[in-house]
């Protein structure tokens, strides 16, 4: 009986030790399979694979090991009239000093905005229905030099176009981000898909 008691005690210690090594991230809420935190909430609605309303969501994992990296972000989204989605990439831990690409809707017009070295780039999107969901993909080659990034954007697929004329944006002078973090700022917007991957385009 004494030997059996000792074995039960040893097994109990092993079980407790195993529990101490549990990954706390398993218990954290996930959005698009990424752990996140809500930075601003003015009526956000969240599910495992969608976020809508107005507010800001930050993702805990960095986009890349360093700010001098390249990534692709592909979204499926929709915008209400007056809606906006700010994609804040390569920001610092306070979500400042990031590279921001925005999509905004006024009536039947959706506009892509990115901050260039000589001011904002404003590009209207050719959409059949501005209220309907659409796929938007962007490659960000952050800090190709100390202050600028190469950004390429396109519609309808996460796979990059072959022809240069098919790109909404192909600009090597977009103001670079200074960190590795990602956040989404929503105003009357809905994001139903977000996929992160290596950059897709082969354009130089």
Protein backbone atom coordinates (compact mmCIF):
# COMPACT_ATOMS: atom_id res chain seq x y z
CA UNK A 1 0.00 0.00 0.00
CA UNK A 2 2.88 2.37 0.81
CA UNK A 3 4.50 1.70 -2.61
CA UNK A 4 1.19 2.39 -4.42
CA UNK A 5 0.77 5.65 -2.51
CA UNK A 6 4.25 6.75 -3.56
CA UNK A 7 3.47 6.05 -7.25
CA UNK A 8 0.24 8.08 -7.03
CA UNK A 9 2.22 10.96 -5.53
CA UNK A 10 4.79 10.86 -8.35
CA UNK A 11 2.07 10.81 -11.01
CA UNK A 12 0.40 13.78 -9.35
CA UNK A 13 3.63 15.79 -9.46
CA UNK A 14 4.09 14.95 -13.16
CA UNK A 15 0.53 16.07 -13.95
CA UNK A 16 1.00 19.36 -12.09
CA UNK A 17 4.32 20.00 -13.83
CA UNK A 18 2.73 19.38 -17.23
CA UNK A 19 -0.03 21.84 -16.44
CA UNK A 20 2.47 24.56 -15.56
CA UNK A 21 3.85 24.43 -19.09
CA UNK A 22 0.51 25.11 -20.77
CA UNK A 23 0.52 27.67 -23.59
CA UNK A 24 -1.58 30.59 -22.43
CA UNK A 25 -2.23 31.58 -26.07
CA UNK A 26 -4.58 28.61 -26.40
CA UNK A 27 -7.00 30.38 -24.04
CA UNK A 28 -6.88 33.75 -25.78
CA UNK A 29 -9.56 34.77 -28.29
CA UNK A 30 -8.57 34.55 -31.94
CA UNK A 31 -9.65 36.43 -35.02
CA UNK A 32 -8.61 35.00 -38.40
CA UNK A 33 -6.67 32.45 -36.30
CA UNK A 34 -4.56 35.25 -34.78
CA UNK A 35 -4.63 36.33 -31.14
CA UNK A 36 -5.85 39.90 -30.82
CA UNK A 37 -6.83 42.71 -28.49
CA UNK A 38 -9.46 45.40 -28.90
CA UNK A 39 -7.94 48.87 -28.81
CA UNK A 40 -11.11 50.87 -29.53
CA UNK A 41 -14.70 49.70 -29.51
CA UNK A 42 -17.64 51.73 -30.75
CA UNK A 43 -19.86 48.79 -31.59
CA UNK A 44 -17.54 46.10 -32.94
CA UNK A 45 -18.97 42.66 -33.61
CA UNK A 46 -16.43 39.83 -33.66
CA UNK A 47 -16.53 36.18 -34.62
CA UNK A 48 -13.73 33.70 -35.30
CA UNK A 49 -13.45 34.78 -38.94
CA UNK A 50 -15.03 38.23 -39.18
CA UNK A 51 -15.07 41.66 -37.57
CA UNK A 52 -17.50 44.47 -38.32
CA UNK A 53 -18.63 47.84 -37.04
CA UNK A 54 -16.44 50.66 -35.77
CA UNK A 55 -13.27 50.33 -33.67
CA UNK A 56 -9.68 49.12 -33.76
CA UNK A 57 -8.27 45.62 -33.39
CA UNK A 58 -4.56 44.89 -32.86
CA UNK A 59 -2.92 41.52 -33.46
CA UNK A 60 -0.41 40.31 -30.88
CA UNK A 61 2.00 38.54 -33.21
CA UNK A 62 4.22 40.69 -35.37
CA UNK A 63 3.91 40.68 -39.14
CA UNK A 64 7.55 39.69 -39.54
CA UNK A 65 10.75 39.20 -37.53
CA UNK A 66 11.96 42.71 -38.42
CA UNK A 67 10.69 45.93 -39.96
CA UNK A 68 12.83 45.27 -43.05
CA UNK A 69 10.52 42.55 -44.35
CA UNK A 70 7.99 41.77 -47.08
CA UNK A 71 4.45 40.47 -46.50
CA UNK A 72 1.16 40.04 -48.33
CA UNK A 73 -2.22 40.80 -46.74
CA UNK A 74 -5.38 39.67 -48.51
CA UNK A 75 -8.82 40.76 -47.33
CA UNK A 76 -12.43 40.15 -48.20
CA UNK A 77 -14.32 43.19 -47.01
CA UNK A 78 -17.32 45.44 -47.48
CA UNK A 79 -17.91 49.08 -46.64
CA UNK A 80 -21.09 50.93 -45.77
CA UNK A 81 -21.56 54.39 -47.24
CA UNK A 82 -19.13 56.56 -45.28
CA UNK A 83 -17.20 53.45 -44.23
CA UNK A 84 -13.45 53.03 -44.01
CA UNK A 85 -10.84 50.35 -43.34
CA UNK A 86 -7.35 51.39 -42.22
CA UNK A 87 -4.73 48.65 -42.54
CA UNK A 88 -1.97 49.68 -40.12
CA UNK A 89 1.09 47.57 -40.86
CA UNK A 90 4.67 47.51 -39.61
CA UNK A 91 3.73 49.76 -36.70
CA UNK A 92 5.55 50.01 -33.38
CA UNK A 93 4.19 48.39 -30.21
CA UNK A 94 2.00 51.46 -29.53
CA UNK A 95 0.60 51.14 -33.09
CA UNK A 96 2.26 54.37 -34.13
CA UNK A 97 4.67 55.00 -37.02
CA UNK A 98 3.04 52.35 -39.20
CA UNK A 99 2.55 52.06 -42.94
CA UNK A 100 -1.15 52.77 -43.46
CA UNK A 101 -3.18 51.71 -46.48
CA UNK A 102 -6.84 52.77 -46.38
CA UNK A 103 -10.02 51.92 -48.26
CA UNK A 104 -12.93 54.35 -47.93
CA UNK A 105 -16.38 54.59 -49.50
CA UNK A 106 -18.42 57.65 -50.41
CA UNK A 107 -21.62 56.73 -52.20
CA UNK A 108 -20.75 54.54 -55.17
CA UNK A 109 -17.02 55.30 -55.06
CA UNK A 110 -14.41 53.30 -53.09
CA UNK A 111 -10.97 54.91 -52.85
CA UNK A 112 -7.57 53.44 -51.98
CA UNK A 113 -5.27 55.80 -50.07
CA UNK A 114 -1.58 55.40 -49.23
CA UNK A 115 0.85 58.03 -47.96
CA UNK A 116 3.61 58.72 -50.46
CA UNK A 117 6.79 60.71 -50.15
CA UNK A 118 5.10 63.69 -51.86
CA UNK A 119 1.64 63.36 -50.30
CA UNK A 120 -1.29 60.99 -50.26
CA UNK A 121 -1.98 58.70 -53.23
CA UNK A 122 -5.74 58.58 -53.96
CA UNK A 123 -6.86 55.81 -56.31
CA UNK A 124 -10.55 55.11 -57.10
CA UNK A 125 -11.43 51.42 -57.38
CA UNK A 126 -13.43 50.10 -60.32
CA UNK A 127 -16.15 48.11 -58.56
CA UNK A 128 -19.46 47.01 -60.05
CA UNK A 129 -21.23 47.48 -56.70
CA UNK A 130 -19.53 49.57 -54.02
CA UNK A 131 -21.74 48.03 -51.31
CA UNK A 132 -20.87 44.42 -52.16
CA UNK A 133 -17.97 42.45 -50.61
CA UNK A 134 -14.74 42.49 -52.61
CA UNK A 135 -11.24 41.01 -52.37
CA UNK A 136 -8.31 43.37 -51.86
CA UNK A 137 -4.68 42.22 -51.75
CA UNK A 138 -1.55 44.20 -50.95
CA UNK A 139 2.16 43.39 -50.97
CA UNK A 140 4.27 45.49 -48.62
CA UNK A 141 8.04 45.50 -49.01
CA UNK A 142 8.74 47.58 -45.94
CA UNK A 143 11.86 49.72 -45.59
CA UNK A 144 13.42 48.99 -48.93
CA UNK A 145 15.47 51.98 -47.87
CA UNK A 146 15.50 53.80 -44.55
CA UNK A 147 12.28 55.77 -45.07
CA UNK A 148 10.38 54.27 -48.02
CA UNK A 149 8.59 51.06 -48.93
CA UNK A 150 7.45 49.39 -52.14
CA UNK A 151 3.69 48.76 -52.03
CA UNK A 152 1.68 46.90 -54.67
CA UNK A 153 -2.10 46.49 -54.49
CA UNK A 154 -4.71 44.75 -56.63
CA UNK A 155 -8.29 43.44 -56.61
CA UNK A 156 -10.21 40.16 -56.89
CA UNK A 157 -7.54 37.61 -55.97
CA UNK A 158 -4.73 36.97 -53.52
CA UNK A 159 -2.60 35.89 -56.48
CA UNK A 160 -0.72 38.82 -57.97
CA UNK A 161 -1.41 39.97 -61.54
CA UNK A 162 1.13 39.26 -64.22
CA UNK A 163 0.57 42.50 -66.13
CA UNK A 164 1.75 45.70 -64.47
CA UNK A 165 -1.31 47.56 -65.79
CA UNK A 166 -3.58 45.38 -63.60
CA UNK A 167 -2.23 46.86 -60.35
CA UNK A 168 -4.13 49.55 -58.48
CA UNK A 169 -0.90 50.71 -56.88
CA UNK A 170 2.74 50.02 -57.64
CA UNK A 171 4.74 52.63 -55.78
CA UNK A 172 8.26 52.46 -54.36
CA UNK A 173 7.95 55.71 -52.40
CA UNK A 174 5.32 54.90 -49.79
CA UNK A 175 6.28 56.09 -46.30
CA UNK A 176 7.75 53.10 -44.44
CA UNK A 177 6.62 51.66 -41.14
CA UNK A 178 9.06 51.51 -38.24
CA UNK A 179 7.97 48.35 -36.45
CA UNK A 180 6.46 44.90 -36.98
CA UNK A 181 2.88 45.11 -35.67
CA UNK A 182 -0.50 44.95 -37.46
CA UNK A 183 -3.84 46.53 -36.61
CA UNK A 184 -7.14 47.17 -38.36
CA UNK A 185 -9.12 50.36 -37.88
CA UNK A 186 -12.76 50.01 -38.93
CA UNK A 187 -15.46 52.60 -39.47
CA UNK A 188 -18.75 51.07 -40.66
CA UNK A 189 -16.76 48.27 -42.27
CA UNK A 190 -16.80 44.47 -42.29
CA UNK A 191 -13.79 42.21 -42.83
CA UNK A 192 -14.72 38.58 -43.51
CA UNK A 193 -11.29 37.28 -44.42
CA UNK A 194 -7.68 38.15 -43.64
CA UNK A 195 -4.80 36.01 -44.87
CA UNK A 196 -1.14 36.74 -44.19
CA UNK A 197 1.59 35.27 -46.36
CA UNK A 198 4.85 36.02 -48.11
CA UNK A 199 4.70 38.73 -50.77
CA UNK A 200 3.08 37.52 -53.99
CA UNK A 201 4.15 39.85 -56.77
CA UNK A 202 7.23 39.20 -58.89
CA UNK A 203 7.39 42.78 -60.18
CA UNK A 204 10.59 44.61 -59.33
